[in-house]
PDB file of N, CA and C in Angstrom:
ATOM      1  N   MET A   1      -4.478 -33.022   1.370  1.00  0.00           N
ATOM      2  CA  MET A   1      -5.387 -33.915   2.030  1.00  0.00           C
ATOM      3  C   MET A   1      -5.999 -33.259   3.261  1.00  0.00           C
ATOM      4  N   THR A   2      -5.217 -32.414   3.923  1.00  0.00           N
ATOM      5  CA  THR A   2      -5.714 -31.700   5.100  1.00  0.00           C
ATOM      6  C   THR A   2      -6.939 -30.866   4.768  1.00  0.00           C
ATOM      7  N   GLU A   3      -6.936 -30.251   3.578  1.00  0.00           N
ATOM      8  CA  GLU A   3      -8.055 -29.412   3.175  1.00  0.00           C
ATOM      9  C   GLU A   3      -9.356 -30.199   3.096  1.00  0.00           C
ATOM     10  N   ILE A   4      -9.269 -31.438   2.633  1.00  0.00           N
ATOM     11  CA  ILE A   4     -10.475 -32.265   2.522  1.00  0.00           C
ATOM     12  C   ILE A   4     -11.036 -32.573   3.904  1.00  0.00           C
ATOM     13  N   TYR A   5     -10.151 -32.928   4.839  1.00  0.00           N
ATOM     14  CA  TYR A   5     -10.612 -33.191   6.200  1.00  0.00           C
ATOM     15  C   TYR A   5     -11.225 -31.939   6.824  1.00  0.00           C
ATOM     16  N   ALA A   6     -10.597 -30.811   6.596  1.00  0.00           N
ATOM     17  CA  ALA A   6     -11.125 -29.562   7.142  1.00  0.00           C
ATOM     18  C   ALA A   6     -12.517 -29.272   6.591  1.00  0.00           C
ATOM     19  N   GLU A   7     -12.716 -29.507   5.317  1.00  0.00           N
ATOM     20  CA  GLU A   7     -14.026 -29.282   4.701  1.00  0.00           C
ATOM     21  C   GLU A   7     -15.056 -30.258   5.275  1.00  0.00           C
ATOM     22  N   LEU A   8     -14.677 -31.513   5.449  1.00  0.00           N
ATOM     23  CA  LEU A   8     -15.608 -32.500   6.002  1.00  0.00           C
ATOM     24  C   LEU A   8     -16.001 -32.159   7.441  1.00  0.00           C
ATOM     25  N   ILE A   9     -15.026 -31.724   8.220  1.00  0.00           N
ATOM     26  CA  ILE A   9     -15.325 -31.318   9.599  1.00  0.00           C
ATOM     27  C   ILE A   9     -16.259 -30.120   9.589  1.00  0.00           C
ATOM     28  N   GLU A  10     -15.969 -29.162   8.747  1.00  0.00           N
ATOM     29  CA  GLU A  10     -16.820 -27.968   8.623  1.00  0.00           C
ATOM     30  C   GLU A  10     -18.257 -28.354   8.312  1.00  0.00           C
ATOM     31  N   GLN A  11     -18.420 -29.228   7.360  1.00  0.00           N
ATOM     32  CA  GLN A  11     -19.769 -29.650   6.984  1.00  0.00           C
ATOM     33  C   GLN A  11     -20.450 -30.408   8.124  1.00  0.00           C
ATOM     34  N   GLY A  12     -19.686 -31.221   8.833  1.00  0.00           N
ATOM     35  CA  GLY A  12     -20.257 -32.025   9.898  1.00  0.00           C
ATOM     36  C   GLY A  12     -20.681 -31.225  11.118  1.00  0.00           C
ATOM     37  N   ILE A  13     -19.979 -30.149  11.427  1.00  0.00           N
ATOM     38  CA  ILE A  13     -20.301 -29.378  12.636  1.00  0.00           C
ATOM     39  C   ILE A  13     -20.963 -28.042  12.325  1.00  0.00           C
ATOM     40  N   SER A  14     -21.290 -27.790  11.082  1.00  0.00           N
ATOM     41  CA  SER A  14     -21.750 -26.459  10.681  1.00  0.00           C
ATOM     42  C   SER A  14     -22.980 -25.958  11.417  1.00  0.00           C
ATOM     43  N   HIS A  15     -23.792 -26.851  11.972  1.00  0.00           N
ATOM     44  CA  HIS A  15     -25.008 -26.417  12.674  1.00  0.00           C
ATOM     45  C   HIS A  15     -24.923 -26.681  14.172  1.00  0.00           C
ATOM     46  N   THR A  16     -23.704 -26.764  14.694  1.00  0.00           N
ATOM     47  CA  THR A  16     -23.521 -27.029  16.119  1.00  0.00           C
ATOM     48  C   THR A  16     -22.896 -25.824  16.802  1.00  0.00           C
ATOM     49  N   ASP A  17     -22.862 -25.859  18.113  1.00  0.00           N
ATOM     50  CA  ASP A  17     -22.239 -24.777  18.878  1.00  0.00           C
ATOM     51  C   ASP A  17     -20.734 -24.696  18.619  1.00  0.00           C
ATOM     52  N   ALA A  18     -20.126 -25.796  18.244  1.00  0.00           N
ATOM     53  CA  ALA A  18     -18.683 -25.834  18.010  1.00  0.00           C
ATOM     54  C   ALA A  18     -18.292 -25.177  16.680  1.00  0.00           C
ATOM     55  N   ALA A  19     -19.247 -24.929  15.821  1.00  0.00           N
ATOM     56  CA  ALA A  19     -18.939 -24.426  14.476  1.00  0.00           C
ATOM     57  C   ALA A  19     -18.193 -23.100  14.510  1.00  0.00           C
ATOM     58  N   GLN A  20     -18.642 -22.150  15.323  1.00  0.00           N
ATOM     59  CA  GLN A  20     -17.976 -20.842  15.357  1.00  0.00           C
ATOM     60  C   GLN A  20     -16.569 -20.947  15.911  1.00  0.00           C
ATOM     61  N   LEU A  21     -16.397 -21.779  16.933  1.00  0.00           N
ATOM     62  CA  LEU A  21     -15.053 -22.003  17.472  1.00  0.00           C
ATOM     63  C   LEU A  21     -14.152 -22.584  16.384  1.00  0.00           C
ATOM     64  N   TRP A  22     -14.656 -23.551  15.656  1.00  0.00           N
ATOM     65  CA  TRP A  22     -13.911 -24.152  14.546  1.00  0.00           C
ATOM     66  C   TRP A  22     -13.524 -23.088  13.517  1.00  0.00           C
ATOM     67  N   ARG A  23     -14.479 -22.257  13.155  1.00  0.00           N
ATOM     68  CA  ARG A  23     -14.224 -21.221  12.140  1.00  0.00           C
ATOM     69  C   ARG A  23     -13.180 -20.222  12.617  1.00  0.00           C
ATOM     70  N   ASP A  24     -13.235 -19.882  13.908  1.00  0.00           N
ATOM     71  CA  ASP A  24     -12.267 -18.933  14.458  1.00  0.00           C
ATOM     72  C   ASP A  24     -10.854 -19.513  14.502  1.00  0.00           C
ATOM     73  N   LYS A  25     -10.729 -20.794  14.716  1.00  0.00           N
ATOM     74  CA  LYS A  25      -9.419 -21.438  14.838  1.00  0.00           C
ATOM     75  C   LYS A  25      -8.851 -21.918  13.499  1.00  0.00           C
ATOM     76  N   MET A  26      -9.666 -21.933  12.494  1.00  0.00           N
ATOM     77  CA  MET A  26      -9.267 -22.496  11.204  1.00  0.00           C
ATOM     78  C   MET A  26      -8.227 -21.598  10.521  1.00  0.00           C
ATOM     79  N   ASP A  27      -7.161 -22.187  10.034  1.00  0.00           N
ATOM     80  CA  ASP A  27      -6.186 -21.406   9.292  1.00  0.00           C
ATOM     81  C   ASP A  27      -5.765 -22.094   7.996  1.00  0.00           C
ATOM     82  N   THR A  28      -6.498 -23.083   7.585  1.00  0.00           N
ATOM     83  CA  THR A  28      -6.203 -23.819   6.361  1.00  0.00           C
ATOM     84  C   THR A  28      -6.722 -23.047   5.159  1.00  0.00           C
ATOM     85  N   ASP A  29      -5.973 -23.021   4.096  1.00  0.00           N
ATOM     86  CA  ASP A  29      -6.423 -22.375   2.864  1.00  0.00           C
ATOM     87  C   ASP A  29      -7.530 -23.216   2.232  1.00  0.00           C
ATOM     88  N   LEU A  30      -8.701 -22.632   2.139  1.00  0.00           N
ATOM     89  CA  LEU A  30      -9.858 -23.330   1.587  1.00  0.00           C
ATOM     90  C   LEU A  30     -10.329 -22.652   0.304  1.00  0.00           C
ATOM     91  N   SER A  31      -9.427 -22.165  -0.493  1.00  0.00           N
ATOM     92  CA  SER A  31      -9.801 -21.346  -1.641  1.00  0.00           C
ATOM     93  C   SER A  31     -10.682 -22.067  -2.653  1.00  0.00           C
ATOM     94  N   PHE A  32     -10.644 -23.382  -2.688  1.00  0.00           N
ATOM     95  CA  PHE A  32     -11.469 -24.082  -3.665  1.00  0.00           C
ATOM     96  C   PHE A  32     -12.719 -24.706  -3.048  1.00  0.00           C
ATOM     97  N   PHE A  33     -12.968 -24.463  -1.752  1.00  0.00           N
ATOM     98  CA  PHE A  33     -14.176 -24.974  -1.114  1.00  0.00           C
ATOM     99  C   PHE A  33     -15.242 -23.888  -1.013  1.00  0.00           C
ATOM    100  N   ARG A  34     -16.480 -24.306  -0.784  1.00  0.00           N
ATOM    101  CA  ARG A  34     -17.601 -23.375  -0.732  1.00  0.00           C
ATOM    102  C   ARG A  34     -18.229 -23.241   0.657  1.00  0.00           C
ATOM    103  N   SER A  35     -17.665 -23.833   1.668  1.00  0.00           N
ATOM    104  CA  SER A  35     -18.250 -23.784   3.001  1.00  0.00           C
ATOM    105  C   SER A  35     -18.253 -22.353   3.542  1.00  0.00           C
ATOM    106  N   GLU A  36     -18.966 -22.156   4.622  1.00  0.00           N
ATOM    107  CA  GLU A  36     -19.039 -20.835   5.246  1.00  0.00           C
ATOM    108  C   GLU A  36     -17.652 -20.357   5.681  1.00  0.00           C
ATOM    109  N   SER A  37     -16.857 -21.269   6.249  1.00  0.00           N
ATOM    110  CA  SER A  37     -15.500 -20.888   6.665  1.00  0.00           C
ATOM    111  C   SER A  37     -14.648 -20.497   5.473  1.00  0.00           C
ATOM    112  N   ALA A  38     -14.737 -21.251   4.406  1.00  0.00           N
ATOM    113  CA  ALA A  38     -13.948 -20.952   3.215  1.00  0.00           C
ATOM    114  C   ALA A  38     -14.337 -19.593   2.646  1.00  0.00           C
ATOM    115  N   GLN A  39     -15.629 -19.329   2.595  1.00  0.00           N
ATOM    116  CA  GLN A  39     -16.090 -18.039   2.074  1.00  0.00           C
ATOM    117  C   GLN A  39     -15.651 -16.895   2.983  1.00  0.00           C
ATOM    118  N   ARG A  40     -15.722 -17.113   4.292  1.00  0.00           N
ATOM    119  CA  ARG A  40     -15.299 -16.091   5.249  1.00  0.00           C
ATOM    120  C   ARG A  40     -13.801 -15.809   5.108  1.00  0.00           C
ATOM    121  N   LEU A  41     -12.997 -16.862   4.992  1.00  0.00           N
ATOM    122  CA  LEU A  41     -11.551 -16.681   4.834  1.00  0.00           C
ATOM    123  C   LEU A  41     -11.216 -15.938   3.543  1.00  0.00           C
ATOM    124  N   ARG A  42     -11.897 -16.278   2.471  1.00  0.00           N
ATOM    125  CA  ARG A  42     -11.660 -15.573   1.204  1.00  0.00           C
ATOM    126  C   ARG A  42     -12.047 -14.108   1.324  1.00  0.00           C
ATOM    127  N   ALA A  43     -13.178 -13.832   1.974  1.00  0.00           N
ATOM    128  CA  ALA A  43     -13.620 -12.446   2.144  1.00  0.00           C
ATOM    129  C   ALA A  43     -12.614 -11.655   2.979  1.00  0.00           C
ATOM    130  N   GLN A  44     -12.092 -12.285   4.031  1.00  0.00           N
ATOM    131  CA  GLN A  44     -11.077 -11.623   4.854  1.00  0.00           C
ATOM    132  C   GLN A  44      -9.825 -11.327   4.041  1.00  0.00           C
ATOM    133  N   GLY A  45      -9.414 -12.276   3.221  1.00  0.00           N
ATOM    134  CA  GLY A  45      -8.231 -12.078   2.374  1.00  0.00           C
ATOM    135  C   GLY A  45      -8.430 -10.947   1.384  1.00  0.00           C
ATOM    136  N   ARG A  46      -9.611 -10.899   0.774  1.00  0.00           N
ATOM    137  CA  ARG A  46      -9.899  -9.808  -0.166  1.00  0.00           C
ATOM    138  C   ARG A  46      -9.870  -8.458   0.545  1.00  0.00           C
ATOM    139  N   GLU A  47     -10.467  -8.406   1.734  1.00  0.00           N
ATOM    140  CA  GLU A  47     -10.513  -7.154   2.487  1.00  0.00           C
ATOM    141  C   GLU A  47      -9.107  -6.703   2.874  1.00  0.00           C
ATOM    142  N   GLN A  48      -8.283  -7.644   3.350  1.00  0.00           N
ATOM    143  CA  GLN A  48      -6.915  -7.301   3.725  1.00  0.00           C
ATOM    144  C   GLN A  48      -6.122  -6.831   2.510  1.00  0.00           C
ATOM    145  N   GLY A  49      -6.300  -7.512   1.380  1.00  0.00           N
ATOM    146  CA  GLY A  49      -5.601  -7.110   0.159  1.00  0.00           C
ATOM    147  C   GLY A  49      -6.037  -5.737  -0.308  1.00  0.00           C
ATOM    148  N   PHE A  50      -7.332  -5.459  -0.225  1.00  0.00           N
ATOM    149  CA  PHE A  50      -7.849  -4.153  -0.616  1.00  0.00           C
ATOM    150  C   PHE A  50      -7.269  -3.064   0.276  1.00  0.00           C
ATOM    151  N   GLU A  51      -7.287  -3.301   1.604  1.00  0.00           N
ATOM    152  CA  GLU A  51      -6.756  -2.300   2.538  1.00  0.00           C
ATOM    153  C   GLU A  51      -5.268  -2.056   2.313  1.00  0.00           C
ATOM    154  N   GLN A  52      -4.518  -3.125   2.060  1.00  0.00           N
ATOM    155  CA  GLN A  52      -3.091  -2.979   1.817  1.00  0.00           C
ATOM    156  C   GLN A  52      -2.842  -2.204   0.527  1.00  0.00           C
ATOM    157  N   GLY A  53      -3.581  -2.534  -0.510  1.00  0.00           N
ATOM    158  CA  GLY A  53      -3.437  -1.823  -1.777  1.00  0.00           C
ATOM    159  C   GLY A  53      -3.812  -0.357  -1.654  1.00  0.00           C
ATOM    160  N   LEU A  54      -4.854  -0.080  -0.893  1.00  0.00           N
ATOM    161  CA  LEU A  54      -5.286   1.297  -0.683  1.00  0.00           C
ATOM    162  C   LEU A  54      -4.212   2.090   0.039  1.00  0.00           C
ATOM    163  N   GLU A  55      -3.627   1.514   1.080  1.00  0.00           N
ATOM    164  CA  GLU A  55      -2.576   2.205   1.822  1.00  0.00           C
ATOM    165  C   GLU A  55      -1.339   2.431   0.954  1.00  0.00           C
ATOM    166  N   GLU A  56      -0.965   1.425   0.169  1.00  0.00           N
ATOM    167  CA  GLU A  56       0.183   1.585  -0.725  1.00  0.00           C
ATOM    168  C   GLU A  56      -0.083   2.682  -1.749  1.00  0.00           C
ATOM    169  N   GLY A  57      -1.304   2.743  -2.248  1.00  0.00           N
ATOM    170  CA  GLY A  57      -1.680   3.796  -3.201  1.00  0.00           C
ATOM    171  C   GLY A  57      -1.619   5.174  -2.572  1.00  0.00           C
ATOM    172  N   ARG A  58      -2.082   5.280  -1.340  1.00  0.00           N
ATOM    173  CA  ARG A  58      -2.017   6.568  -0.635  1.00  0.00           C
ATOM    174  C   ARG A  58      -0.568   7.001  -0.438  1.00  0.00           C
ATOM    175  N   GLU A  59       0.265   6.060  -0.006  1.00  0.00           N
ATOM    176  CA  GLU A  59       1.683   6.374   0.218  1.00  0.00           C
ATOM    177  C   GLU A  59       2.351   6.820  -1.083  1.00  0.00           C
ATOM    178  N   GLN A  60       2.075   6.110  -2.156  1.00  0.00           N
ATOM    179  CA  GLN A  60       2.654   6.486  -3.442  1.00  0.00           C
ATOM    180  C   GLN A  60       2.162   7.863  -3.862  1.00  0.00           C
ATOM    181  N   GLY A  61       0.912   8.152  -3.623  1.00  0.00           N
ATOM    182  CA  GLY A  61       0.356   9.464  -3.949  1.00  0.00           C
ATOM    183  C   GLY A  61       1.018  10.579  -3.154  1.00  0.00           C
ATOM    184  N   ARG A  62       1.281  10.316  -1.866  1.00  0.00           N
ATOM    185  CA  ARG A  62       1.980  11.315  -1.039  1.00  0.00           C
ATOM    186  C   ARG A  62       3.379  11.564  -1.583  1.00  0.00           C
ATOM    187  N   GLU A  63       4.072  10.487  -1.925  1.00  0.00           N
ATOM    188  CA  GLU A  63       5.435  10.620  -2.457  1.00  0.00           C
ATOM    189  C   GLU A  63       5.432  11.421  -3.751  1.00  0.00           C
ATOM    190  N   GLN A  64       4.547  11.086  -4.658  1.00  0.00           N
ATOM    191  CA  GLN A  64       4.484  11.786  -5.934  1.00  0.00           C
ATOM    192  C   GLN A  64       4.083  13.238  -5.730  1.00  0.00           C
ATOM    193  N   GLY A  65       3.163  13.478  -4.817  1.00  0.00           N
ATOM    194  CA  GLY A  65       2.720  14.843  -4.541  1.00  0.00           C
ATOM    195  C   GLY A  65       3.847  15.700  -4.003  1.00  0.00           C
ATOM    196  N   LEU A  66       4.669  15.132  -3.115  1.00  0.00           N
ATOM    197  CA  LEU A  66       5.806  15.885  -2.594  1.00  0.00           C
ATOM    198  C   LEU A  66       6.799  16.214  -3.698  1.00  0.00           C
ATOM    199  N   GLY A  67       7.125  15.221  -4.519  1.00  0.00           N
ATOM    200  CA  GLY A  67       8.066  15.450  -5.615  1.00  0.00           C
ATOM    201  C   GLY A  67       7.551  16.485  -6.594  1.00  0.00           C
ATOM    202  N   GLN A  68       6.296  16.401  -6.931  1.00  0.00           N
ATOM    203  CA  GLN A  68       5.711  17.368  -7.849  1.00  0.00           C
ATOM    204  C   GLN A  68       5.625  18.741  -7.207  1.00  0.00           C
ATOM    205  N   GLY A  69       5.380  18.775  -5.886  1.00  0.00           N
ATOM    206  CA  GLY A  69       5.329  20.050  -5.182  1.00  0.00           C
ATOM    207  C   GLY A  69       6.655  20.777  -5.247  1.00  0.00           C
ATOM    208  N   VAL A  70       7.734  20.028  -5.103  1.00  0.00           N
ATOM    209  CA  VAL A  70       9.059  20.637  -5.198  1.00  0.00           C
ATOM    210  C   VAL A  70       9.324  21.118  -6.615  1.00  0.00           C
ATOM    211  N   ALA A  71       9.147  20.231  -7.572  1.00  0.00           N
ATOM    212  CA  ALA A  71       9.525  20.535  -8.958  1.00  0.00           C
ATOM    213  C   ALA A  71       8.636  21.579  -9.599  1.00  0.00           C
ATOM    214  N   ARG A  72       7.354  21.360  -9.543  1.00  0.00           N
ATOM    215  CA  ARG A  72       6.449  22.207 -10.313  1.00  0.00           C
ATOM    216  C   ARG A  72       6.009  23.444  -9.559  1.00  0.00           C
ATOM    217  N   SER A  73       5.587  23.261  -8.339  1.00  0.00           N
ATOM    218  CA  SER A  73       4.999  24.382  -7.610  1.00  0.00           C
ATOM    219  C   SER A  73       6.039  25.373  -7.124  1.00  0.00           C
ATOM    220  N   VAL A  74       6.986  24.900  -6.362  1.00  0.00           N
ATOM    221  CA  VAL A  74       7.915  25.810  -5.706  1.00  0.00           C
ATOM    222  C   VAL A  74       9.020  26.274  -6.641  1.00  0.00           C
ATOM    223  N   LEU A  75       9.804  25.343  -7.174  1.00  0.00           N
ATOM    224  CA  LEU A  75      10.947  25.742  -7.995  1.00  0.00           C
ATOM    225  C   LEU A  75      10.519  26.424  -9.291  1.00  0.00           C
ATOM    226  N   THR A  76       9.628  25.791 -10.027  1.00  0.00           N
ATOM    227  CA  THR A  76       9.191  26.358 -11.298  1.00  0.00           C
ATOM    228  C   THR A  76       8.475  27.684 -11.057  1.00  0.00           C
ATOM    229  N   GLY A  77       7.688  27.758 -10.014  1.00  0.00           N
ATOM    230  CA  GLY A  77       6.987  28.999  -9.680  1.00  0.00           C
ATOM    231  C   GLY A  77       7.940  30.128  -9.335  1.00  0.00           C
ATOM    232  N   ARG A  78       9.108  29.793  -8.872  1.00  0.00           N
ATOM    233  CA  ARG A  78      10.113  30.800  -8.532  1.00  0.00           C
ATOM    234  C   ARG A  78      11.085  31.034  -9.683  1.00  0.00           C
ATOM    235  N   GLY A  79      10.836  30.410 -10.813  1.00  0.00           N
ATOM    236  CA  GLY A  79      11.680  30.615 -11.988  1.00  0.00           C
ATOM    237  C   GLY A  79      12.962  29.811 -11.983  1.00  0.00           C
ATOM    238  N   ILE A  80      13.045  28.776 -11.173  1.00  0.00           N
ATOM    239  CA  ILE A  80      14.237  27.926 -11.114  1.00  0.00           C
ATOM    240  C   ILE A  80      13.990  26.716 -11.999  1.00  0.00           C
ATOM    241  N   GLU A  81      14.799  26.579 -13.023  1.00  0.00           N
ATOM    242  CA  GLU A  81      14.646  25.479 -13.978  1.00  0.00           C
ATOM    243  C   GLU A  81      15.368  24.236 -13.483  1.00  0.00           C
ATOM    244  N   LEU A  82      14.805  23.100 -13.781  1.00  0.00           N
ATOM    245  CA  LEU A  82      15.405  21.822 -13.436  1.00  0.00           C
ATOM    246  C   LEU A  82      15.875  21.112 -14.698  1.00  0.00           C
ATOM    247  N   SER A  83      17.004  20.430 -14.576  1.00  0.00           N
ATOM    248  CA  SER A  83      17.481  19.621 -15.695  1.00  0.00           C
ATOM    249  C   SER A  83      16.626  18.358 -15.778  1.00  0.00           C
ATOM    250  N   ALA A  84      16.756  17.653 -16.879  1.00  0.00           N
ATOM    251  CA  ALA A  84      16.022  16.395 -17.042  1.00  0.00           C
ATOM    252  C   ALA A  84      16.428  15.397 -15.954  1.00  0.00           C
ATOM    253  N   ASP A  85      17.713  15.360 -15.615  1.00  0.00           N
ATOM    254  CA  ASP A  85      18.189  14.455 -14.566  1.00  0.00           C
ATOM    255  C   ASP A  85      17.598  14.822 -13.199  1.00  0.00           C
ATOM    256  N   GLN A  86      17.494  16.115 -12.925  1.00  0.00           N
ATOM    257  CA  GLN A  86      16.931  16.550 -11.649  1.00  0.00           C
ATOM    258  C   GLN A  86      15.432  16.220 -11.572  1.00  0.00           C
ATOM    259  N   ARG A  87      14.729  16.411 -12.678  1.00  0.00           N
ATOM    260  CA  ARG A  87      13.305  16.052 -12.707  1.00  0.00           C
ATOM    261  C   ARG A  87      13.127  14.541 -12.500  1.00  0.00           C
ATOM    262  N   LYS A  88      13.997  13.759 -13.122  1.00  0.00           N
ATOM    263  CA  LYS A  88      13.927  12.304 -12.970  1.00  0.00           C
ATOM    264  C   LYS A  88      14.221  11.905 -11.522  1.00  0.00           C
ATOM    265  N   LEU A  89      15.212  12.551 -10.925  1.00  0.00           N
ATOM    266  CA  LEU A  89      15.545  12.274  -9.533  1.00  0.00           C
ATOM    267  C   LEU A  89      14.337  12.542  -8.634  1.00  0.00           C
ATOM    268  N   LEU A  90      13.666  13.651  -8.848  1.00  0.00           N
ATOM    269  CA  LEU A  90      12.464  13.965  -8.079  1.00  0.00           C
ATOM    270  C   LEU A  90      11.372  12.923  -8.301  1.00  0.00           C
ATOM    271  N   ALA A  91      11.171  12.557  -9.547  1.00  0.00           N
ATOM    272  CA  ALA A  91      10.114  11.594  -9.874  1.00  0.00           C
ATOM    273  C   ALA A  91      10.416  10.212  -9.305  1.00  0.00           C
ATOM    274  N   ASP A  92      11.680   9.836  -9.243  1.00  0.00           N
ATOM    275  CA  ASP A  92      12.063   8.487  -8.807  1.00  0.00           C
ATOM    276  C   ASP A  92      12.246   8.355  -7.302  1.00  0.00           C
ATOM    277  N   THR A  93      12.352   9.469  -6.589  1.00  0.00           N
ATOM    278  CA  THR A  93      12.604   9.415  -5.151  1.00  0.00           C
ATOM    279  C   THR A  93      11.336   9.045  -4.399  1.00  0.00           C
ATOM    280  N   THR A  94      11.455   8.033  -3.531  1.00  0.00           N
ATOM    281  CA  THR A  94      10.311   7.600  -2.729  1.00  0.00           C
ATOM    282  C   THR A  94      10.531   7.849  -1.238  1.00  0.00           C
ATOM    283  N   ASP A  95      11.674   8.349  -0.875  1.00  0.00           N
ATOM    284  CA  ASP A  95      11.986   8.651   0.526  1.00  0.00           C
ATOM    285  C   ASP A  95      11.263   9.938   0.921  1.00  0.00           C
ATOM    286  N   VAL A  96      10.217   9.791   1.726  1.00  0.00           N
ATOM    287  CA  VAL A  96       9.386  10.934   2.096  1.00  0.00           C
ATOM    288  C   VAL A  96      10.185  11.971   2.869  1.00  0.00           C
ATOM    289  N   ASP A  97      11.095  11.540   3.724  1.00  0.00           N
ATOM    290  CA  ASP A  97      11.923  12.492   4.472  1.00  0.00           C
ATOM    291  C   ASP A  97      12.783  13.330   3.537  1.00  0.00           C
ATOM    292  N   GLN A  98      13.365  12.693   2.523  1.00  0.00           N
ATOM    293  CA  GLN A  98      14.187  13.423   1.554  1.00  0.00           C
ATOM    294  C   GLN A  98      13.324  14.407   0.760  1.00  0.00           C
ATOM    295  N   LEU A  99      12.152  13.955   0.338  1.00  0.00           N
ATOM    296  CA  LEU A  99      11.257  14.834  -0.417  1.00  0.00           C
ATOM    297  C   LEU A  99      10.819  16.034   0.419  1.00  0.00           C
ATOM    298  N   ASN A 100      10.519  15.809   1.691  1.00  0.00           N
ATOM    299  CA  ASN A 100      10.159  16.918   2.575  1.00  0.00           C
ATOM    300  C   ASN A 100      11.322  17.893   2.748  1.00  0.00           C
ATOM    301  N   ALA A 101      12.532  17.357   2.875  1.00  0.00           N
ATOM    302  CA  ALA A 101      13.712  18.221   3.004  1.00  0.00           C
ATOM    303  C   ALA A 101      13.889  19.077   1.755  1.00  0.00           C
ATOM    304  N   TRP A 102      13.739  18.463   0.575  1.00  0.00           N
ATOM    305  CA  TRP A 102      13.855  19.229  -0.662  1.00  0.00           C
ATOM    306  C   TRP A 102      12.772  20.299  -0.760  1.00  0.00           C
ATOM    307  N   LEU A 103      11.579  19.965  -0.336  1.00  0.00           N
ATOM    308  CA  LEU A 103      10.480  20.926  -0.388  1.00  0.00           C
ATOM    309  C   LEU A 103      10.791  22.136   0.487  1.00  0.00           C
ATOM    310  N   LEU A 104      11.301  21.899   1.683  1.00  0.00           N
ATOM    311  CA  LEU A 104      11.668  23.013   2.561  1.00  0.00           C
ATOM    312  C   LEU A 104      12.814  23.831   1.982  1.00  0.00           C
ATOM    313  N   GLN A 105      13.801  23.168   1.404  1.00  0.00           N
ATOM    314  CA  GLN A 105      14.942  23.874   0.805  1.00  0.00           C
ATOM    315  C   GLN A 105      14.521  24.658  -0.430  1.00  0.00           C
ATOM    316  N   ALA A 106      13.531  24.162  -1.145  1.00  0.00           N
ATOM    317  CA  ALA A 106      13.095  24.808  -2.384  1.00  0.00           C
ATOM    318  C   ALA A 106      12.526  26.204  -2.135  1.00  0.00           C
ATOM    319  N   VAL A 107      12.060  26.442  -0.925  1.00  0.00           N
ATOM    320  CA  VAL A 107      11.469  27.741  -0.602  1.00  0.00           C
ATOM    321  C   VAL A 107      12.523  28.845  -0.649  1.00  0.00           C
ATOM    322  N   THR A 108      13.751  28.538  -0.262  1.00  0.00           N
ATOM    323  CA  THR A 108      14.790  29.561  -0.206  1.00  0.00           C
ATOM    324  C   THR A 108      15.892  29.382  -1.247  1.00  0.00           C
ATOM    325  N   ALA A 109      15.890  28.296  -1.984  1.00  0.00           N
ATOM    326  CA  ALA A 109      16.959  28.031  -2.966  1.00  0.00           C
ATOM    327  C   ALA A 109      16.915  29.058  -4.094  1.00  0.00           C
ATOM    328  N   THR A 110      18.093  29.391  -4.593  1.00  0.00           N
ATOM    329  CA  THR A 110      18.177  30.287  -5.753  1.00  0.00           C
ATOM    330  C   THR A 110      18.559  29.529  -7.012  1.00  0.00           C
ATOM    331  N   ARG A 111      19.063  28.292  -6.827  1.00  0.00           N
ATOM    332  CA  ARG A 111      19.422  27.424  -7.945  1.00  0.00           C
ATOM    333  C   ARG A 111      19.056  25.994  -7.574  1.00  0.00           C
ATOM    334  N   ALA A 112      18.740  25.187  -8.567  1.00  0.00           N
ATOM    335  CA  ALA A 112      18.376  23.788  -8.334  1.00  0.00           C
ATOM    336  C   ALA A 112      19.533  23.019  -7.695  1.00  0.00           C
ATOM    337  N   GLU A 113      20.748  23.399  -8.022  1.00  0.00           N
ATOM    338  CA  GLU A 113      21.920  22.702  -7.481  1.00  0.00           C
ATOM    339  C   GLU A 113      22.001  22.796  -5.966  1.00  0.00           C
ATOM    340  N   GLU A 114      21.380  23.796  -5.376  1.00  0.00           N
ATOM    341  CA  GLU A 114      21.385  23.937  -3.923  1.00  0.00           C
ATOM    342  C   GLU A 114      20.606  22.783  -3.267  1.00  0.00           C
ATOM    343  N   LEU A 115      19.651  22.232  -3.989  1.00  0.00           N
ATOM    344  CA  LEU A 115      18.880  21.104  -3.453  1.00  0.00           C
ATOM    345  C   LEU A 115      19.588  19.787  -3.705  1.00  0.00           C
ATOM    346  N   PHE A 116      20.085  19.618  -4.906  1.00  0.00           N
ATOM    347  CA  PHE A 116      20.575  18.309  -5.337  1.00  0.00           C
ATOM    348  C   PHE A 116      22.084  18.173  -5.295  1.00  0.00           C
ATOM    349  N   GLY A 117      22.776  19.236  -4.926  1.00  0.00           N
ATOM    350  CA  GLY A 117      24.216  19.188  -4.772  1.00  0.00           C
ATOM    351  C   GLY A 117      24.962  19.148  -5.991  1.00  0.00           C
TER     352      GLY A 117
END
C-alpha cells in the first residue's frame, strides 16, 4: 500500500520544487511504477548491478589468470608436470594471496610437490 501512496505523491508534486527533494529521499521499491522516480531508481539499480558484476568478473579473471600462470606458463614451461589433482587445486583456488605465493614459488621449484606440499 505504501507504494501506491508514494506513486500518488510523486505524480502530485512532479512539477514542483519539492519533486527533486522527494526523489532524493525516496527509498521505496517502485519496480512496477512508471514515474520519473521509479525509472531513476531502476536505472540506478541496473547500474549498480552492472558495476558489481563487472568487478566480480574482473576478480575472477585475475584469480584464473594467476592459477593458469602458475600451471601453464611457469611450471609447464620449466618442464614440471602437474597431476590432475594439482591442476584441479590450481583451478579451484580463489585465494589471490595463495595464488601469488605459488606463482613466486614456481619460479624456483624443481618439483610440483614443492608448491603443494
